[in-house]
Structures are given as structure tokens and as C-alpha cells.
Amino acid sequence: MTRTRTTRLRRPLLAGTTAVAAMAVTAGLVAATSEPAKAATGPKLSLIAATGSITLTSWKEDPGVYLDLGTYLTAEGTPFELKATRKSYKDPVTVTQTVYEGGKAKAKTLPKGTVKDFSGLPGFAEITVTDKAGKKVLGRTEDFCPNNASGRVKPDAPATSKYPESCPTNPFTLGSVWGVEKGWAANTYAGSYTDTVQLPAGTYTAKVGVAKKYRDLFGIADKPATVKVTVQERSYEDEEGAAQPAPAAASAGRHAGHGAAHQAPAAHAGH
């Protein structure tokens, strides 16, 4: 607008023409601003629990349980896609998110330091465990690899995911694509990249949420998933004893109950 006004002052003979042109430009601007541009958007992300209760096994000979609580991150509307890259081995890893504006994909650069390597989003999941009395007995964070174990949760979702499985930890990696397909959900559990926790046998309540910086970054609602947890203690010796063949007489006596004789392997499923 300032440039148009200066032209009018320098060229008085064209004042009328310039005024008409200015009005036309102004009208165009008003028309354009009357319809606000749609901001680039990503998918709707939600944290869900696959089940309301779960049983974890701690072994006497090797105590501790992995907090595989069955929580997943779902993507709706569009895929959740991140691209992590670095120019050289000396450069830091940067990450962009694929967002959509007017139906077209574009890259949105995420803040520096969002990731430190190619293993995923550090400190993504926040886990709190309380005992029956409501006392907090554990608090920890876990990293999240969007390429983790995933599956369809929407009937109209693509039959297959276009994203690779797992996030690379190879020190020579220069780039990686992470993603949760539209209508799919990826497990937030870090698997073998995390450590066991010490929880005595008993019942607990676990709450799993998304760290605030990621909620703000990706527009995730602050709605932690709650899972009832039962920790049971078992022994390898018990397992070995159950696997021993029964005496011949006892086997013959139990042959009539053939179905019952095959219950022992089912107990191992919790392993």
C-alpha cells in the first residue's frame, strides 16, 4: 500500500487512474481476506489402550517386568509421517512432518533438538503406576518409534502400511522415514530398547500419557490411557516341572480326559 501511495504523489496526472486501480486492488484484498487461508494440518492423533487390563509375569530367577501395556497411537484423516535426516555424520539430526494444505503435502520443520538420533521420539510416553492404595510406585518415560508394531483400527484404512518396520539405530544412517498409516495404530511400547521395572506381585493402575511438548507439537489431546495391571510371580522350576512327562499309569488314567491333559501349555502363553 505504501508503494502505491508514493506513485500517486509523484504522478498527479494519473491520480484518477491510480485511484481506480487502488480501489480494485483493495477490493481484491478484501475478497481474499474474507476467506481465511486454511492452515496446513496433520492427522488427528490419539492415544488409546487396546485393553483395560493386562497381566505381566515376573520370574523369581530373573525378577522384573516389561511395561508392555498395550497402548497405541492412532492416526486419523491423514498419515502421521516424519522424515529425519542429517547432511553428514557430523551434523545434527533434523526432522520434518508431512502436513497437508489444500490437499497438497508440504514439509513442516519441527523445532531443533526434537530428536537426537534415528531411533524415534525421545521421552514421548509418560507412564505412572500406582498401587491399590493409590500411592505412586513408579514414574518413567519411554521413547516412541512410529514404525513400531502397528495394525489397522479403521475398516476403511489401507490394507497395508507404506512405512517401514522399526526405527534404525545404525550409526551410519543419514535419513529415515517414520510413520503411522491413516486409520492405523502403532504400539507406544519401546520393546527391547527399554528396561524392566521391579514391581512385586499384586495389582496396580497404570496411566500412560503423551509428554506435553509432543501434545503441543502434534495437537494431541491430554487424555491418558488407563490400564489395570496384575503382576504375577512365577518360577522357571514350575515351568520345567509342568513340562515333565507324567508316569505311564497316571497318563493312562487321565487319557479319558484328553482335553484337560493339554491345559499346561496354555499356562506358558503368559510368558
C-alpha atoms as a PDB file:
ATOM      1  CA  MET A   1       0.000   0.000   0.000  1.00  0.00           C
ATOM      2  CA  THR A   2       2.839   2.432   0.732  1.00  0.00           C
ATOM      3  CA  ARG A   3       4.349   1.892  -2.694  1.00  0.00           C
ATOM      4  CA  THR A   4       1.000   2.685  -4.423  1.00  0.00           C
ATOM      5  CA  ARG A   5       0.583   5.854  -2.386  1.00  0.00           C
ATOM      6  CA  THR A   6       4.075   7.122  -3.367  1.00  0.00           C
ATOM      7  CA  THR A   7       3.295   6.610  -7.061  1.00  0.00           C
ATOM      8  CA  ARG A   8       0.158   8.737  -6.753  1.00  0.00           C
ATOM      9  CA  LEU A   9       2.125  11.625  -5.219  1.00  0.00           C
ATOM     10  CA  ARG A  10       4.773  11.542  -7.931  1.00  0.00           C
ATOM     11  CA  ARG A  11       2.318  11.318 -10.818  1.00  0.00           C
ATOM     12  CA  PRO A  12      -0.621  13.683 -10.207  1.00  0.00           C
ATOM     13  CA  LEU A  13      -1.866  13.429 -13.816  1.00  0.00           C
ATOM     14  CA  LEU A  14      -2.511   9.733 -13.253  1.00  0.00           C
ATOM     15  CA  ALA A  15      -4.166  10.245  -9.898  1.00  0.00           C
ATOM     16  CA  GLY A  16      -7.612   9.263 -11.134  1.00  0.00           C
ATOM     17  CA  THR A  17      -6.388   6.134 -12.855  1.00  0.00           C
ATOM     18  CA  THR A  18      -4.252   5.180  -9.868  1.00  0.00           C
ATOM     19  CA  ALA A  19      -7.175   5.698  -7.523  1.00  0.00           C
ATOM     20  CA  VAL A  20      -9.321   3.327  -9.560  1.00  0.00           C
ATOM     21  CA  ALA A  21      -6.519   0.786  -9.620  1.00  0.00           C
ATOM     22  CA  ALA A  22      -6.022   1.177  -5.883  1.00  0.00           C
ATOM     23  CA  MET A  23      -9.735   0.574  -5.303  1.00  0.00           C
ATOM     24  CA  ALA A  24      -9.578  -2.551  -7.437  1.00  0.00           C
ATOM     25  CA  VAL A  25      -6.553  -3.833  -5.526  1.00  0.00           C
ATOM     26  CA  THR A  26      -8.247  -3.029  -2.216  1.00  0.00           C
ATOM     27  CA  ALA A  27     -11.404  -4.840  -3.293  1.00  0.00           C
ATOM     28  CA  GLY A  28      -9.313  -7.831  -4.273  1.00  0.00           C
ATOM     29  CA  LEU A  29      -7.571  -7.832  -0.917  1.00  0.00           C
ATOM     30  CA  VAL A  30     -10.883  -7.640   0.929  1.00  0.00           C
ATOM     31  CA  ALA A  31     -12.231 -10.537  -1.114  1.00  0.00           C
ATOM     32  CA  ALA A  32      -9.108 -12.561  -0.434  1.00  0.00           C
ATOM     33  CA  THR A  33      -9.067 -11.870   3.296  1.00  0.00           C
ATOM     34  CA  SER A  34     -12.780 -12.582   3.670  1.00  0.00           C
ATOM     35  CA  GLU A  35     -11.929 -16.266   3.191  1.00  0.00           C
ATOM     36  CA  PRO A  36      -9.095 -17.066   5.611  1.00  0.00           C
ATOM     37  CA  ALA A  37      -6.465 -19.390   4.204  1.00  0.00           C
ATOM     38  CA  LYS A  38      -6.616 -22.899   5.560  1.00  0.00           C
ATOM     39  CA  ALA A  39      -3.586 -23.649   7.700  1.00  0.00           C
ATOM     40  CA  ALA A  40      -1.545 -26.711   6.912  1.00  0.00           C
ATOM     41  CA  THR A  41      -2.748 -29.583   9.055  1.00  0.00           C
ATOM     42  CA  GLY A  42      -1.562 -33.001  10.090  1.00  0.00           C
ATOM     43  CA  PRO A  43      -3.539 -36.040  11.211  1.00  0.00           C
ATOM     44  CA  LYS A  44      -5.677 -36.304  14.303  1.00  0.00           C
ATOM     45  CA  LEU A  45      -3.565 -38.305  16.737  1.00  0.00           C
ATOM     46  CA  SER A  46      -4.975 -40.130  19.756  1.00  0.00           C
ATOM     47  CA  LEU A  47      -3.565 -42.385  22.449  1.00  0.00           C
ATOM     48  CA  ILE A  48      -5.659 -45.497  23.055  1.00  0.00           C
ATOM     49  CA  ALA A  49      -5.434 -48.666  25.139  1.00  0.00           C
ATOM     50  CA  ALA A  50      -6.118 -51.961  23.387  1.00  0.00           C
ATOM     51  CA  THR A  51      -7.390 -53.466  26.636  1.00  0.00           C
ATOM     52  CA  GLY A  52      -8.471 -52.244  30.047  1.00  0.00           C
ATOM     53  CA  SER A  53      -6.464 -54.831  31.967  1.00  0.00           C
ATOM     54  CA  ILE A  54      -3.288 -56.807  31.481  1.00  0.00           C
ATOM     55  CA  THR A  55      -1.222 -59.432  33.316  1.00  0.00           C
ATOM     56  CA  LEU A  56       2.562 -59.202  33.464  1.00  0.00           C
ATOM     57  CA  THR A  57       4.844 -62.013  34.606  1.00  0.00           C
ATOM     58  CA  SER A  58       7.881 -61.605  36.841  1.00  0.00           C
ATOM     59  CA  TRP A  59      10.214 -64.599  37.180  1.00  0.00           C
ATOM     60  CA  LYS A  60      11.771 -65.438  40.551  1.00  0.00           C
ATOM     61  CA  GLU A  61      15.088 -66.229  38.898  1.00  0.00           C
ATOM     62  CA  ASP A  62      15.054 -63.002  36.859  1.00  0.00           C
ATOM     63  CA  PRO A  63      12.720 -60.508  38.570  1.00  0.00           C
ATOM     64  CA  GLY A  64      11.261 -57.539  36.744  1.00  0.00           C
ATOM     65  CA  VAL A  65       8.548 -56.865  34.178  1.00  0.00           C
ATOM     66  CA  TYR A  66       8.456 -55.049  30.864  1.00  0.00           C
ATOM     67  CA  LEU A  67       5.782 -52.369  30.753  1.00  0.00           C
ATOM     68  CA  ASP A  68       4.112 -53.596  27.585  1.00  0.00           C
ATOM     69  CA  LEU A  69       0.743 -52.065  28.474  1.00  0.00           C
ATOM     70  CA  GLY A  70      -0.958 -52.315  25.088  1.00  0.00           C
ATOM     71  CA  THR A  71      -1.170 -48.583  24.363  1.00  0.00           C
ATOM     72  CA  TYR A  72      -1.189 -47.294  20.799  1.00  0.00           C
ATOM     73  CA  LEU A  73      -1.041 -44.016  18.890  1.00  0.00           C
ATOM     74  CA  THR A  74      -3.725 -43.758  16.203  1.00  0.00           C
ATOM     75  CA  ALA A  75      -3.715 -41.531  13.112  1.00  0.00           C
ATOM     76  CA  GLU A  76      -6.941 -40.283  11.527  1.00  0.00           C
ATOM     77  CA  GLY A  77      -7.579 -38.095   8.487  1.00  0.00           C
ATOM     78  CA  THR A  78      -4.073 -38.340   7.062  1.00  0.00           C
ATOM     79  CA  PRO A  79      -0.993 -40.439   7.832  1.00  0.00           C
ATOM     80  CA  PHE A  80       1.360 -39.351  10.602  1.00  0.00           C
ATOM     81  CA  GLU A  81       4.636 -39.004   8.734  1.00  0.00           C
ATOM     82  CA  LEU A  82       8.030 -37.766   9.918  1.00  0.00           C
ATOM     83  CA  LYS A  83      11.283 -37.553   7.971  1.00  0.00           C
ATOM     84  CA  ALA A  84      14.523 -37.489   9.935  1.00  0.00           C
ATOM     85  CA  THR A  85      17.721 -36.522   8.101  1.00  0.00           C
ATOM     86  CA  ARG A  86      21.218 -35.173   8.580  1.00  0.00           C
ATOM     87  CA  LYS A  87      23.600 -33.718   5.999  1.00  0.00           C
ATOM     88  CA  SER A  88      26.611 -35.602   7.301  1.00  0.00           C
ATOM     89  CA  TYR A  89      27.699 -37.712  10.249  1.00  0.00           C
ATOM     90  CA  LYS A  90      28.870 -34.531  11.983  1.00  0.00           C
ATOM     91  CA  ASP A  91      25.571 -32.688  11.583  1.00  0.00           C
ATOM     92  CA  PRO A  92      22.627 -32.962  13.992  1.00  0.00           C
ATOM     93  CA  VAL A  93      19.510 -34.873  13.027  1.00  0.00           C
ATOM     94  CA  THR A  94      16.639 -32.666  11.903  1.00  0.00           C
ATOM     95  CA  VAL A  95      13.048 -33.755  11.422  1.00  0.00           C
ATOM     96  CA  THR A  96      10.101 -32.574   9.337  1.00  0.00           C
ATOM     97  CA  GLN A  97       6.448 -33.541   9.493  1.00  0.00           C
ATOM     98  CA  THR A  98       4.398 -34.052   6.360  1.00  0.00           C
ATOM     99  CA  VAL A  99       1.307 -31.845   6.617  1.00  0.00           C
ATOM    100  CA  TYR A 100      -1.397 -31.014   4.101  1.00  0.00           C
ATOM    101  CA  GLU A 101      -2.568 -27.649   2.791  1.00  0.00           C
ATOM    102  CA  GLY A 102      -5.316 -27.534   0.200  1.00  0.00           C
ATOM    103  CA  GLY A 103      -4.887 -31.245  -0.358  1.00  0.00           C
ATOM    104  CA  LYS A 104      -1.192 -30.881  -1.145  1.00  0.00           C
ATOM    105  CA  ALA A 105       1.583 -32.311   1.011  1.00  0.00           C
ATOM    106  CA  LYS A 106       4.248 -29.992   2.372  1.00  0.00           C
ATOM    107  CA  ALA A 107       7.071 -30.317   4.883  1.00  0.00           C
ATOM    108  CA  LYS A 108       6.816 -28.634   8.270  1.00  0.00           C
ATOM    109  CA  THR A 109      10.157 -28.305  10.035  1.00  0.00           C
ATOM    110  CA  LEU A 110       9.990 -29.291  13.686  1.00  0.00           C
ATOM    111  CA  PRO A 111      11.994 -27.440  16.369  1.00  0.00           C
ATOM    112  CA  LYS A 112      15.714 -28.112  16.644  1.00  0.00           C
ATOM    113  CA  GLY A 113      16.501 -30.786  19.180  1.00  0.00           C
ATOM    114  CA  THR A 114      13.170 -32.581  18.738  1.00  0.00           C
ATOM    115  CA  VAL A 115      15.128 -35.772  18.077  1.00  0.00           C
ATOM    116  CA  LYS A 116      18.704 -36.738  18.867  1.00  0.00           C
ATOM    117  CA  ASP A 117      19.093 -39.731  16.556  1.00  0.00           C
ATOM    118  CA  PHE A 118      17.085 -42.018  14.277  1.00  0.00           C
ATOM    119  CA  SER A 119      15.610 -44.234  16.997  1.00  0.00           C
ATOM    120  CA  GLY A 120      12.380 -42.243  17.377  1.00  0.00           C
ATOM    121  CA  LEU A 121      10.832 -39.528  19.524  1.00  0.00           C
ATOM    122  CA  PRO A 122      12.606 -39.392  22.917  1.00  0.00           C
ATOM    123  CA  GLY A 123      10.519 -39.192  26.082  1.00  0.00           C
ATOM    124  CA  PHE A 124       7.247 -39.462  24.154  1.00  0.00           C
ATOM    125  CA  ALA A 125       5.254 -41.661  26.543  1.00  0.00           C
ATOM    126  CA  GLU A 126       4.893 -40.826  30.231  1.00  0.00           C
ATOM    127  CA  ILE A 127       3.992 -43.752  32.485  1.00  0.00           C
ATOM    128  CA  THR A 128       2.767 -43.570  36.075  1.00  0.00           C
ATOM    129  CA  VAL A 129       1.995 -46.669  38.145  1.00  0.00           C
ATOM    130  CA  THR A 130       0.083 -46.604  41.451  1.00  0.00           C
ATOM    131  CA  ASP A 131      -0.669 -49.416  43.894  1.00  0.00           C
ATOM    132  CA  LYS A 132      -4.068 -50.437  45.304  1.00  0.00           C
ATOM    133  CA  ALA A 133      -3.869 -47.645  47.881  1.00  0.00           C
ATOM    134  CA  GLY A 134      -3.319 -45.057  45.154  1.00  0.00           C
ATOM    135  CA  LYS A 135       0.336 -44.493  46.083  1.00  0.00           C
ATOM    136  CA  LYS A 136       2.685 -43.775  43.198  1.00  0.00           C
ATOM    137  CA  VAL A 137       5.237 -46.567  42.941  1.00  0.00           C
ATOM    138  CA  LEU A 138       6.724 -45.823  39.536  1.00  0.00           C
ATOM    139  CA  GLY A 139       7.163 -42.985  37.079  1.00  0.00           C
ATOM    140  CA  ARG A 140       9.116 -43.142  33.835  1.00  0.00           C
ATOM    141  CA  THR A 141       9.221 -42.008  30.213  1.00  0.00           C
ATOM    142  CA  GLU A 142       9.767 -44.082  27.093  1.00  0.00           C
ATOM    143  CA  ASP A 143      10.797 -43.247  23.555  1.00  0.00           C
ATOM    144  CA  PHE A 144       8.367 -43.857  20.704  1.00  0.00           C
ATOM    145  CA  CYS A 145       9.168 -45.241  17.286  1.00  0.00           C
ATOM    146  CA  PRO A 146       6.264 -44.502  14.892  1.00  0.00           C
ATOM    147  CA  ASN A 147       7.416 -47.507  12.843  1.00  0.00           C
ATOM    148  CA  ASN A 148       6.737 -49.804  15.784  1.00  0.00           C
ATOM    149  CA  ALA A 149       4.366 -52.787  15.645  1.00  0.00           C
ATOM    150  CA  SER A 150       1.167 -51.476  14.070  1.00  0.00           C
ATOM    151  CA  GLY A 151      -2.172 -52.562  12.661  1.00  0.00           C
ATOM    152  CA  ARG A 152      -5.410 -51.297  11.145  1.00  0.00           C
ATOM    153  CA  VAL A 153      -8.012 -49.877  13.508  1.00  0.00           C
ATOM    154  CA  LYS A 154     -10.399 -48.442  10.894  1.00  0.00           C
ATOM    155  CA  PRO A 155     -12.277 -50.644   8.396  1.00  0.00           C
ATOM    156  CA  ASP A 156     -11.657 -48.172   5.565  1.00  0.00           C
ATOM    157  CA  ALA A 157      -7.922 -47.872   6.278  1.00  0.00           C
ATOM    158  CA  PRO A 158      -5.364 -49.011   3.682  1.00  0.00           C
ATOM    159  CA  ALA A 159      -4.795 -52.764   3.765  1.00  0.00           C
ATOM    160  CA  THR A 160      -1.045 -52.282   4.116  1.00  0.00           C
ATOM    161  CA  SER A 161       1.177 -49.587   5.567  1.00  0.00           C
ATOM    162  CA  LYS A 162       3.694 -47.834   3.335  1.00  0.00           C
ATOM    163  CA  TYR A 163       6.049 -47.205   6.243  1.00  0.00           C
ATOM    164  CA  PRO A 164       8.998 -49.431   7.180  1.00  0.00           C
ATOM    165  CA  GLU A 165       9.164 -51.530  10.319  1.00  0.00           C
ATOM    166  CA  SER A 166      11.338 -50.292  13.211  1.00  0.00           C
ATOM    167  CA  CYS A 167      13.486 -47.184  13.540  1.00  0.00           C
ATOM    168  CA  PRO A 168      17.163 -47.576  12.607  1.00  0.00           C
ATOM    169  CA  THR A 169      19.895 -47.349  15.232  1.00  0.00           C
ATOM    170  CA  ASN A 170      22.723 -47.876  12.747  1.00  0.00           C
ATOM    171  CA  PRO A 171      25.345 -45.146  13.384  1.00  0.00           C
ATOM    172  CA  PHE A 172      25.816 -44.707   9.627  1.00  0.00           C
ATOM    173  CA  THR A 173      22.184 -43.764   8.983  1.00  0.00           C
ATOM    174  CA  LEU A 174      21.704 -40.446   7.169  1.00  0.00           C
ATOM    175  CA  GLY A 175      17.946 -40.485   6.775  1.00  0.00           C
ATOM    176  CA  SER A 176      14.821 -42.327   7.829  1.00  0.00           C
ATOM    177  CA  VAL A 177      11.072 -42.121   7.332  1.00  0.00           C
ATOM    178  CA  TRP A 178       8.758 -42.827  10.279  1.00  0.00           C
ATOM    179  CA  GLY A 179       5.021 -43.077  10.061  1.00  0.00           C
ATOM    180  CA  VAL A 180       1.666 -44.333  11.225  1.00  0.00           C
ATOM    181  CA  GLU A 181      -0.621 -45.038   8.275  1.00  0.00           C
ATOM    182  CA  LYS A 182      -4.030 -43.360   8.133  1.00  0.00           C
ATOM    183  CA  GLY A 183      -6.511 -45.492  10.063  1.00  0.00           C
ATOM    184  CA  TRP A 184      -3.714 -47.466  11.710  1.00  0.00           C
ATOM    185  CA  ALA A 185      -2.258 -47.524  15.229  1.00  0.00           C
ATOM    186  CA  ALA A 186       1.347 -48.048  16.372  1.00  0.00           C
ATOM    187  CA  ASN A 187       2.374 -49.550  19.703  1.00  0.00           C
ATOM    188  CA  THR A 188       3.979 -46.988  22.033  1.00  0.00           C
ATOM    189  CA  TYR A 189       5.945 -49.692  23.873  1.00  0.00           C
ATOM    190  CA  ALA A 190       9.694 -49.392  23.265  1.00  0.00           C
ATOM    191  CA  GLY A 191      10.262 -53.157  23.403  1.00  0.00           C
ATOM    192  CA  SER A 192      13.830 -54.388  23.757  1.00  0.00           C
ATOM    193  CA  TYR A 193      15.066 -50.786  23.800  1.00  0.00           C
ATOM    194  CA  THR A 194      13.672 -50.297  27.287  1.00  0.00           C
ATOM    195  CA  ASP A 195      14.486 -51.804  30.695  1.00  0.00           C
ATOM    196  CA  THR A 196      12.423 -53.906  33.057  1.00  0.00           C
ATOM    197  CA  VAL A 197      10.934 -52.419  36.224  1.00  0.00           C
ATOM    198  CA  GLN A 198      10.708 -54.006  39.655  1.00  0.00           C
ATOM    199  CA  LEU A 199       7.099 -54.469  40.761  1.00  0.00           C
ATOM    200  CA  PRO A 200       6.165 -57.024  43.451  1.00  0.00           C
ATOM    201  CA  ALA A 201       3.295 -59.382  42.705  1.00  0.00           C
ATOM    202  CA  GLY A 202      -0.008 -57.558  43.101  1.00  0.00           C
ATOM    203  CA  THR A 203      -2.462 -55.266  41.342  1.00  0.00           C
ATOM    204  CA  TYR A 204      -1.724 -51.784  40.063  1.00  0.00           C
ATOM    205  CA  THR A 205      -3.129 -48.996  37.934  1.00  0.00           C
ATOM    206  CA  ALA A 206      -1.003 -47.644  35.094  1.00  0.00           C
ATOM    207  CA  LYS A 207      -1.627 -44.337  33.346  1.00  0.00           C
ATOM    208  CA  VAL A 208       0.064 -43.700  30.026  1.00  0.00           C
ATOM    209  CA  GLY A 209       0.082 -40.213  28.545  1.00  0.00           C
ATOM    210  CA  VAL A 210       1.890 -38.212  25.881  1.00  0.00           C
ATOM    211  CA  ALA A 211       4.511 -35.683  27.039  1.00  0.00           C
ATOM    212  CA  LYS A 212       3.314 -32.076  26.835  1.00  0.00           C
ATOM    213  CA  LYS A 213       5.869 -30.984  24.254  1.00  0.00           C
ATOM    214  CA  TYR A 214       4.561 -33.600  21.831  1.00  0.00           C
ATOM    215  CA  ARG A 215       0.926 -32.844  22.631  1.00  0.00           C
ATOM    216  CA  ASP A 216       1.568 -29.218  21.735  1.00  0.00           C
ATOM    217  CA  LEU A 217       3.655 -30.098  18.693  1.00  0.00           C
ATOM    218  CA  PHE A 218       1.204 -32.556  17.140  1.00  0.00           C
ATOM    219  CA  GLY A 219      -2.114 -31.408  18.633  1.00  0.00           C
ATOM    220  CA  ILE A 220      -2.699 -34.497  20.765  1.00  0.00           C
ATOM    221  CA  ALA A 221      -5.389 -34.267  23.445  1.00  0.00           C
ATOM    222  CA  ASP A 222      -4.322 -34.599  27.075  1.00  0.00           C
ATOM    223  CA  LYS A 223      -6.207 -37.844  27.673  1.00  0.00           C
ATOM    224  CA  PRO A 224      -4.014 -40.502  29.310  1.00  0.00           C
ATOM    225  CA  ALA A 225      -4.947 -44.155  28.827  1.00  0.00           C
ATOM    226  CA  THR A 226      -5.618 -46.161  31.996  1.00  0.00           C
ATOM    227  CA  VAL A 227      -4.790 -49.858  32.307  1.00  0.00           C
ATOM    228  CA  LYS A 228      -5.287 -52.185  35.276  1.00  0.00           C
ATOM    229  CA  VAL A 229      -2.129 -54.225  35.784  1.00  0.00           C
ATOM    230  CA  THR A 230      -1.734 -57.555  37.560  1.00  0.00           C
ATOM    231  CA  VAL A 231       1.812 -58.693  38.266  1.00  0.00           C
ATOM    232  CA  GLN A 232       2.200 -62.421  38.857  1.00  0.00           C
ATOM    233  CA  GLU A 233       5.352 -64.158  40.027  1.00  0.00           C
ATOM    234  CA  ARG A 234       6.392 -67.497  38.570  1.00  0.00           C
ATOM    235  CA  SER A 235       9.436 -69.761  38.576  1.00  0.00           C
ATOM    236  CA  TYR A 236      11.327 -71.497  35.815  1.00  0.00           C
ATOM    237  CA  GLU A 237      11.295 -74.607  38.004  1.00  0.00           C
ATOM    238  CA  ASP A 238       7.498 -74.627  37.963  1.00  0.00           C
ATOM    239  CA  GLU A 239       7.583 -74.444  34.177  1.00  0.00           C
ATOM    240  CA  GLU A 240      10.079 -77.289  33.926  1.00  0.00           C
ATOM    241  CA  GLY A 241       8.036 -79.430  36.315  1.00  0.00           C
ATOM    242  CA  ALA A 242       4.898 -78.876  34.273  1.00  0.00           C
ATOM    243  CA  ALA A 243       6.762 -79.933  31.130  1.00  0.00           C
ATOM    244  CA  GLN A 244       7.901 -83.301  32.575  1.00  0.00           C
ATOM    245  CA  PRO A 245       6.047 -86.359  31.127  1.00  0.00           C
ATOM    246  CA  ALA A 246       3.581 -87.960  33.534  1.00  0.00           C
ATOM    247  CA  PRO A 247       4.064 -91.603  34.756  1.00  0.00           C
ATOM    248  CA  ALA A 248       2.541 -94.211  32.450  1.00  0.00           C
ATOM    249  CA  ALA A 249      -0.179 -95.263  34.901  1.00  0.00           C
ATOM    250  CA  ALA A 250      -1.198 -91.701  35.563  1.00  0.00           C
ATOM    251  CA  SER A 251      -1.213 -90.960  31.840  1.00  0.00           C
ATOM    252  CA  ALA A 252      -3.482 -93.914  31.169  1.00  0.00           C
ATOM    253  CA  GLY A 253      -5.790 -92.864  33.953  1.00  0.00           C
ATOM    254  CA  ARG A 254      -6.044 -89.364  32.511  1.00  0.00           C
ATOM    255  CA  HIS A 255      -6.424 -90.445  28.896  1.00  0.00           C
ATOM    256  CA  ALA A 256     -10.193 -90.195  29.151  1.00  0.00           C
ATOM    257  CA  GLY A 257      -9.816 -86.512  29.929  1.00  0.00           C
ATOM    258  CA  HIS A 258      -7.694 -85.896  26.841  1.00  0.00           C
ATOM    259  CA  GLY A 259      -8.625 -82.212  26.608  1.00  0.00           C
ATOM    260  CA  ALA A 260      -7.580 -81.497  30.180  1.00  0.00           C
ATOM    261  CA  ALA A 261      -4.159 -83.014  29.609  1.00  0.00           C
ATOM    262  CA  HIS A 262      -3.365 -80.196  27.162  1.00  0.00           C
ATOM    263  CA  GLN A 263      -4.011 -77.322  29.541  1.00  0.00           C
ATOM    264  CA  ALA A 264      -0.386 -76.991  30.699  1.00  0.00           C
ATOM    265  CA  PRO A 265       0.981 -75.338  27.522  1.00  0.00           C
ATOM    266  CA  ALA A 266      -1.680 -72.646  27.809  1.00  0.00           C
ATOM    267  CA  ALA A 267      -0.174 -71.553  31.106  1.00  0.00           C
ATOM    268  CA  HIS A 268       3.037 -70.743  29.249  1.00  0.00           C
ATOM    269  CA  ALA A 269       1.274 -68.260  26.999  1.00  0.00           C
ATOM    270  CA  GLY A 270       1.705 -65.593  29.634  1.00  0.00           C
ATOM    271  CA  HIS A 271       5.471 -65.917  29.346  1.00  0.00           C
END
